[in-house]
Amino acid sequence: MLRADSSSTTVADWTYIAEGGDTMVLAYTGQPRADLDRTVLRLKKLRRNPTMLPDGSGPYAPEPVTDDNFTLRYQHEIIERLLPTKLLPRYGTAQVTPQWLASVNDAMENKRPAQRLIDDYISLRQSRGLLATNLIAGNGVVVELKVRSCARSNR
């Protein structure tokens, strides 16, 4: 399992790759480090709300981001039973601080799509990000399995 302290890096060590509705993905491109080479860091985001302060607090702010390790558990308990470990990306966690996250948020602003800047920002309330093997930089085949809610609607 991967483990690292991202806050011991500088913002210049990370390159914006992409983002979805819930997370932003950065690739480690800094000086060689055994704990971070060929990895990406996935950071949770929060939706912008006019009543929120820049640190994510305020009268209608969401609950603090929790680190439930769902992705890590899913990888270990489900996926590792389906496929040989040698074919799977490595996953782990990276410690982050609010100050480090704020500097990353500021540095990545000019790389993000305009609509994303309006909609959301990196949560400063998380203490860890998800660290994983950088599959974008490699050769081969990548298959993504996503877990979705199976809730039915009464339409």
Protein backbone atom coordinates (compact mmCIF):
# COMPACT_ATOMS: atom_id res chain seq x y z
CA MET A 1 0.00 0.00 0.00
CA LEU A 2 1.23 3.48 -0.85
CA ARG A 3 1.73 6.05 1.91
CA ALA A 4 3.19 9.54 1.65
CA ASP A 5 3.15 13.01 3.15
CA SER A 6 2.21 15.31 0.28
CA SER A 7 2.61 18.39 2.44
CA SER A 8 6.38 17.79 2.36
CA THR A 9 6.23 18.59 -1.37
CA THR A 10 5.74 21.93 -3.09
CA VAL A 11 2.90 22.83 -5.42
CA ALA A 12 5.44 22.89 -8.27
CA ASP A 13 5.90 19.12 -7.74
CA TRP A 14 2.36 18.43 -8.92
CA THR A 15 0.72 18.73 -12.36
CA TYR A 16 -3.01 19.08 -12.96
CA ILE A 17 -4.37 16.10 -14.91
CA ALA A 18 -8.15 16.23 -14.74
CA GLU A 19 -11.16 16.44 -12.47
CA GLY A 20 -14.66 15.15 -12.11
CA GLY A 21 -17.60 16.31 -10.06
CA ASP A 22 -16.15 15.13 -6.75
CA THR A 23 -12.37 15.08 -7.11
CA MET A 24 -9.35 16.70 -8.76
CA VAL A 25 -6.43 14.54 -9.93
CA LEU A 26 -2.80 15.69 -9.82
CA ALA A 27 0.30 13.80 -11.02
CA TYR A 28 3.54 13.87 -9.06
CA THR A 29 6.26 15.33 -11.32
CA GLY A 30 8.76 16.50 -8.71
CA GLN A 31 12.20 15.25 -7.75
CA PRO A 32 12.52 11.44 -7.57
CA ARG A 33 10.91 10.05 -4.41
CA ALA A 34 10.24 6.36 -3.82
CA ASP A 35 6.91 7.14 -2.10
CA LEU A 36 5.55 9.41 -4.86
CA ASP A 37 7.19 8.50 -8.18
CA ARG A 38 4.65 7.45 -10.86
CA THR A 39 1.66 8.35 -8.68
CA VAL A 40 -1.40 10.56 -8.84
CA LEU A 41 -3.18 12.26 -5.97
CA ARG A 42 -6.96 12.50 -5.92
CA LEU A 43 -8.30 15.35 -3.77
CA LYS A 44 -11.94 15.85 -2.77
CA LYS A 45 -13.74 19.00 -3.85
CA LEU A 46 -16.63 21.00 -2.38
CA ARG A 47 -19.38 22.76 -4.30
CA ARG A 48 -19.32 26.54 -4.03
CA ASN A 49 -22.09 28.00 -1.93
CA PRO A 50 -22.56 31.76 -1.53
CA THR A 51 -22.97 31.38 2.25
CA MET A 52 -19.63 29.57 2.66
CA LEU A 53 -16.43 31.23 3.73
CA PRO A 54 -13.24 30.43 1.74
CA ASP A 55 -12.24 27.75 4.26
CA GLY A 56 -15.49 25.86 3.63
CA SER A 57 -17.18 26.97 6.86
CA GLY A 58 -20.34 29.00 7.25
CA PRO A 59 -23.97 28.55 8.20
CA TYR A 60 -24.81 26.18 5.33
CA ALA A 61 -21.41 24.56 4.85
CA PRO A 62 -21.36 20.82 4.28
CA GLU A 63 -20.13 18.45 6.93
CA PRO A 64 -16.34 18.00 7.00
CA VAL A 65 -15.00 15.61 4.39
CA THR A 66 -14.54 12.20 5.97
CA ASP A 67 -11.88 9.69 5.03
CA ASP A 68 -13.91 6.49 5.01
CA ASN A 69 -11.37 4.64 2.87
CA PHE A 70 -14.18 3.25 0.72
CA THR A 71 -12.00 3.11 -2.41
CA LEU A 72 -9.21 1.35 -0.54
CA ARG A 73 -11.61 -1.17 0.98
CA TYR A 74 -13.29 -1.76 -2.39
CA GLN A 75 -9.89 -2.39 -4.00
CA HIS A 76 -8.77 -4.78 -1.27
CA GLU A 77 -12.01 -6.64 -0.54
CA ILE A 78 -13.51 -6.88 -4.04
CA ILE A 79 -11.13 -6.14 -6.91
CA GLU A 80 -8.12 -8.02 -5.48
CA ARG A 81 -10.31 -11.14 -5.36
CA LEU A 82 -11.20 -10.79 -9.04
CA LEU A 83 -7.81 -10.01 -10.58
CA PRO A 84 -4.18 -10.88 -9.85
CA THR A 85 -2.51 -8.21 -7.70
CA LYS A 86 0.29 -7.74 -10.27
CA LEU A 87 -2.29 -6.36 -12.73
CA LEU A 88 -3.75 -3.82 -10.31
CA PRO A 89 -2.71 -0.26 -9.55
CA ARG A 90 -1.32 0.42 -6.10
CA TYR A 91 -3.49 2.54 -3.81
CA GLY A 92 -2.84 4.33 -0.56
CA THR A 93 -3.16 7.66 1.19
CA ALA A 94 -1.19 10.88 1.31
CA GLN A 95 -1.32 13.22 4.28
CA VAL A 96 -2.25 16.81 3.42
CA THR A 97 -2.68 20.01 5.43
CA PRO A 98 -5.16 22.88 4.93
CA GLN A 99 -2.28 25.24 4.08
CA TRP A 100 -0.90 22.86 1.45
CA LEU A 101 -4.38 22.32 -0.03
CA ALA A 102 -4.98 26.08 -0.22
CA SER A 103 -1.72 26.58 -2.12
CA VAL A 104 -2.61 23.73 -4.51
CA ASN A 105 -6.08 25.20 -5.02
CA ASP A 106 -4.60 28.60 -5.87
CA ALA A 107 -1.89 27.18 -8.16
CA MET A 108 -4.29 25.00 -10.16
CA GLU A 109 -6.85 27.76 -10.82
CA ASN A 110 -5.39 28.74 -14.19
CA LYS A 111 -5.34 25.09 -15.33
CA ARG A 112 -8.96 24.27 -14.49
CA PRO A 113 -11.90 24.66 -16.88
CA ALA A 114 -13.79 27.92 -16.31
CA GLN A 115 -17.04 26.23 -15.31
CA ARG A 116 -15.25 24.13 -12.68
CA LEU A 117 -13.87 27.31 -11.10
CA ILE A 118 -17.42 28.60 -10.75
CA ASP A 119 -18.82 25.31 -9.44
CA ASP A 120 -16.31 24.03 -6.89
CA TYR A 121 -12.87 24.09 -5.24
CA ILE A 122 -10.54 21.72 -3.40
CA SER A 123 -11.81 21.00 0.08
CA LEU A 124 -9.50 22.40 2.75
CA ARG A 125 -11.17 20.15 5.33
CA GLN A 126 -9.56 16.86 4.30
CA SER A 127 -6.52 15.40 6.01
CA ARG A 128 -5.72 12.81 3.35
CA GLY A 129 -5.91 12.38 -0.38
CA LEU A 130 -6.07 9.12 -2.31
CA LEU A 131 -2.71 8.16 -3.80
CA ALA A 132 -2.65 5.72 -6.74
CA THR A 133 -0.44 4.46 -9.51
CA ASN A 134 -0.38 6.93 -12.41
CA LEU A 135 -2.01 4.87 -15.17
CA ILE A 136 -2.15 7.77 -17.62
CA ALA A 137 1.64 7.87 -17.95
CA GLY A 138 2.03 4.16 -18.71
CA ASN A 139 1.50 1.84 -21.64
CA GLY A 140 -1.11 -0.87 -21.75
CA VAL A 141 -4.81 -1.28 -21.18
CA VAL A 142 -6.76 0.42 -18.41
CA VAL A 143 -10.24 -0.64 -17.34
CA GLU A 144 -12.13 1.39 -14.74
CA LEU A 145 -14.82 -0.16 -12.55
CA LYS A 146 -17.03 2.33 -10.73
CA VAL A 147 -19.49 1.63 -7.98
CA ARG A 148 -22.82 3.38 -8.44
CA SER A 149 -25.86 3.49 -6.20
CA CYS A 150 -28.50 0.93 -7.08
CA ALA A 151 -31.36 2.99 -5.63
CA ARG A 152 -34.52 2.77 -7.71
CA SER A 153 -36.71 5.70 -8.51
CA ASN A 154 -40.50 5.47 -8.57
CA ARG A 155 -41.06 6.95 -12.01
